[in-house]
């Protein structure tokens, strides 16, 4: 049971980390180019990056807790 839960948590963590990288790269490229895209989406991308990083930390801690019990 715990092994299956750890597998699910690891998959969710990998997806979340991939999303963080995508949002980060999109934000950096948008900021480098400037213009309307950065003005419109710059803060939204930063907010999503912070939210996704927080989710990744929570998932990592959840994985550590469940792994230490199994």
N, C-alpha and C. Protein backbone atom coordinates (compact mmCIF):
# COMPACT_ATOMS: atom_id res chain seq x y z
N UNK A 1 0.83 -1.20 0.00
CA UNK A 1 0.00 0.00 0.00
C UNK A 1 0.87 1.27 0.00
N UNK A 2 1.85 1.29 0.91
CA UNK A 2 2.70 2.48 1.00
C UNK A 2 3.59 2.59 -0.24
N UNK A 3 4.04 1.45 -0.77
CA UNK A 3 4.87 1.48 -1.97
C UNK A 3 4.09 2.05 -3.15
N UNK A 4 2.82 1.69 -3.27
CA UNK A 4 1.99 2.23 -4.35
C UNK A 4 1.78 3.72 -4.16
N UNK A 5 1.59 4.13 -2.91
CA UNK A 5 1.39 5.55 -2.62
C UNK A 5 2.66 6.34 -2.95
N UNK A 6 3.82 5.76 -2.61
CA UNK A 6 5.09 6.44 -2.93
C UNK A 6 5.28 6.57 -4.43
N UNK A 7 4.86 5.57 -5.18
CA UNK A 7 4.97 5.64 -6.64
C UNK A 7 4.10 6.76 -7.19
N UNK A 8 2.89 6.86 -6.69
CA UNK A 8 1.98 7.93 -7.14
C UNK A 8 2.55 9.29 -6.76
N UNK A 9 3.07 9.41 -5.56
CA UNK A 9 3.64 10.69 -5.11
C UNK A 9 4.84 11.06 -5.98
N UNK A 10 5.69 10.08 -6.30
CA UNK A 10 6.85 10.36 -7.14
C UNK A 10 6.44 10.80 -8.54
N UNK A 11 5.42 10.18 -9.10
CA UNK A 11 4.93 10.58 -10.42
C UNK A 11 4.38 12.01 -10.37
N UNK A 12 3.59 12.31 -9.34
CA UNK A 12 3.05 13.67 -9.19
C UNK A 12 4.18 14.68 -9.00
N UNK A 13 5.21 14.28 -8.24
CA UNK A 13 6.35 15.17 -8.02
C UNK A 13 7.09 15.44 -9.32
N UNK A 14 7.28 14.41 -10.13
CA UNK A 14 7.97 14.58 -11.42
C UNK A 14 7.17 15.50 -12.35
N UNK A 15 5.86 15.32 -12.38
CA UNK A 15 5.01 16.17 -13.22
C UNK A 15 5.07 17.61 -12.72
N UNK A 16 5.03 17.80 -11.41
CA UNK A 16 5.08 19.14 -10.84
C UNK A 16 6.42 19.81 -11.14
N UNK A 17 7.51 19.07 -11.00
CA UNK A 17 8.82 19.65 -11.30
C UNK A 17 8.96 20.00 -12.77
N UNK A 18 8.41 19.16 -13.64
CA UNK A 18 8.43 19.48 -15.07
C UNK A 18 7.63 20.76 -15.34
N UNK A 19 6.50 20.90 -14.67
CA UNK A 19 5.68 22.11 -14.84
C UNK A 19 6.43 23.34 -14.35
N UNK A 20 7.17 23.20 -13.24
CA UNK A 20 7.97 24.32 -12.73
C UNK A 20 9.00 24.75 -13.77
N UNK A 21 9.68 23.78 -14.37
CA UNK A 21 10.70 24.10 -15.37
C UNK A 21 10.08 24.79 -16.58
N UNK A 22 8.94 24.29 -17.04
CA UNK A 22 8.27 24.89 -18.19
C UNK A 22 7.85 26.32 -17.90
N UNK A 23 7.24 26.54 -16.73
CA UNK A 23 6.81 27.90 -16.37
C UNK A 23 8.02 28.81 -16.19
N UNK A 24 9.08 28.29 -15.59
CA UNK A 24 10.29 29.09 -15.39
C UNK A 24 10.91 29.51 -16.72
N UNK A 25 11.05 28.56 -17.64
CA UNK A 25 11.64 28.88 -18.94
C UNK A 25 10.76 29.86 -19.71
N UNK A 26 9.46 29.64 -19.68
CA UNK A 26 8.53 30.56 -20.35
C UNK A 26 8.66 31.97 -19.78
N UNK A 27 8.76 32.07 -18.46
CA UNK A 27 8.89 33.38 -17.82
C UNK A 27 10.20 34.06 -18.16
N UNK A 28 11.29 33.31 -18.16
CA UNK A 28 12.60 33.89 -18.45
C UNK A 28 12.66 34.36 -19.91
N UNK A 29 12.17 33.53 -20.82
CA UNK A 29 12.16 33.92 -22.24
C UNK A 29 11.26 35.13 -22.45
N UNK A 30 10.09 35.14 -21.81
CA UNK A 30 9.19 36.28 -21.94
C UNK A 30 9.79 37.56 -21.38
N UNK A 31 10.52 37.43 -20.26
CA UNK A 31 11.15 38.60 -19.66
C UNK A 31 12.29 39.10 -20.54
N UNK A 32 13.03 38.17 -21.13
CA UNK A 32 14.15 38.57 -22.00
C UNK A 32 13.66 39.30 -23.25
N UNK A 33 12.54 38.83 -23.78
CA UNK A 33 11.99 39.48 -24.98
C UNK A 33 11.26 40.78 -24.64
N UNK A 34 10.67 40.82 -23.44
CA UNK A 34 9.91 42.01 -23.04
C UNK A 34 8.63 42.12 -23.82
N UNK A 35 8.14 43.31 -23.96
CA UNK A 35 6.95 43.56 -24.77
C UNK A 35 5.65 43.22 -24.07
N UNK A 36 4.62 43.03 -24.89
CA UNK A 36 3.27 42.81 -24.37
C UNK A 36 3.13 41.51 -23.60
N UNK A 37 3.79 40.45 -24.08
CA UNK A 37 3.67 39.16 -23.40
C UNK A 37 4.16 39.26 -21.97
N UNK A 38 5.32 39.88 -21.77
CA UNK A 38 5.86 40.01 -20.42
C UNK A 38 4.98 40.91 -19.56
N UNK A 39 4.48 41.97 -20.14
CA UNK A 39 3.62 42.87 -19.37
C UNK A 39 2.33 42.18 -18.96
N UNK A 40 1.81 41.34 -19.82
CA UNK A 40 0.53 40.69 -19.55
C UNK A 40 0.67 39.45 -18.66
N UNK A 41 1.72 38.64 -18.89
CA UNK A 41 1.81 37.35 -18.22
C UNK A 41 2.97 37.21 -17.25
N UNK A 42 3.84 38.19 -17.14
CA UNK A 42 5.03 38.07 -16.28
C UNK A 42 4.70 37.74 -14.84
N UNK A 43 3.81 38.51 -14.23
CA UNK A 43 3.46 38.27 -12.83
C UNK A 43 2.66 36.99 -12.65
N UNK A 44 1.82 36.66 -13.61
CA UNK A 44 1.05 35.42 -13.52
C UNK A 44 1.97 34.21 -13.58
N UNK A 45 2.96 34.26 -14.46
CA UNK A 45 3.91 33.15 -14.55
C UNK A 45 4.72 33.02 -13.27
N UNK A 46 5.13 34.13 -12.69
CA UNK A 46 5.87 34.09 -11.44
C UNK A 46 5.02 33.50 -10.32
N UNK A 47 3.77 33.90 -10.27
CA UNK A 47 2.85 33.38 -9.25
C UNK A 47 2.66 31.87 -9.41
N UNK A 48 2.47 31.41 -10.65
CA UNK A 48 2.31 29.98 -10.89
C UNK A 48 3.58 29.20 -10.55
N UNK A 49 4.74 29.79 -10.81
CA UNK A 49 5.99 29.13 -10.48
C UNK A 49 6.11 28.93 -8.98
N UNK A 50 5.78 29.96 -8.22
CA UNK A 50 5.86 29.87 -6.76
C UNK A 50 4.87 28.83 -6.23
N UNK A 51 3.66 28.82 -6.77
CA UNK A 51 2.65 27.84 -6.35
C UNK A 51 3.12 26.42 -6.66
N UNK A 52 3.64 26.22 -7.87
CA UNK A 52 4.11 24.89 -8.25
C UNK A 52 5.32 24.46 -7.43
N UNK A 53 6.20 25.38 -7.11
CA UNK A 53 7.34 25.03 -6.26
C UNK A 53 6.87 24.65 -4.86
N UNK A 54 5.89 25.36 -4.34
CA UNK A 54 5.32 25.01 -3.04
C UNK A 54 4.70 23.62 -3.06
N UNK A 55 3.97 23.32 -4.13
CA UNK A 55 3.37 22.00 -4.28
C UNK A 55 4.45 20.92 -4.36
N UNK A 56 5.53 21.20 -5.07
CA UNK A 56 6.63 20.24 -5.18
C UNK A 56 7.26 19.98 -3.81
N UNK A 57 7.41 21.01 -3.00
CA UNK A 57 7.97 20.84 -1.66
C UNK A 57 7.04 19.99 -0.80
N UNK A 58 5.75 20.26 -0.88
CA UNK A 58 4.78 19.47 -0.10
C UNK A 58 4.80 18.01 -0.54
N UNK A 59 4.84 17.77 -1.84
CA UNK A 59 4.89 16.39 -2.34
C UNK A 59 6.18 15.70 -1.92
N UNK A 60 7.30 16.41 -1.94
CA UNK A 60 8.56 15.83 -1.51
C UNK A 60 8.52 15.46 -0.04
N UNK A 61 8.01 16.36 0.79
CA UNK A 61 7.90 16.06 2.22
C UNK A 61 6.95 14.89 2.47
N UNK A 62 5.86 14.85 1.73
CA UNK A 62 4.93 13.73 1.85
C UNK A 62 5.61 12.42 1.46
N UNK A 63 6.41 12.45 0.42
CA UNK A 63 7.16 11.26 0.01
C UNK A 63 8.13 10.82 1.11
N UNK A 64 8.84 11.77 1.69
CA UNK A 64 9.81 11.43 2.74
C UNK A 64 9.11 10.83 3.94
N UNK A 65 7.98 11.39 4.33
CA UNK A 65 7.24 10.87 5.48
C UNK A 65 6.71 9.46 5.20
N UNK A 66 6.13 9.25 4.03
CA UNK A 66 5.59 7.92 3.74
C UNK A 66 6.71 6.91 3.52
N UNK A 67 7.83 7.32 2.96
CA UNK A 67 8.94 6.39 2.74
C UNK A 67 9.57 5.97 4.07
N UNK A 68 9.59 6.88 5.03
CA UNK A 68 10.20 6.54 6.33
C UNK A 68 9.31 5.60 7.14
N UNK A 69 8.03 5.54 6.81
CA UNK A 69 7.11 4.63 7.51
C UNK A 69 7.07 3.25 6.89
N UNK A 70 7.52 3.14 5.64
CA UNK A 70 7.42 1.87 4.93
C UNK A 70 8.68 1.13 5.05
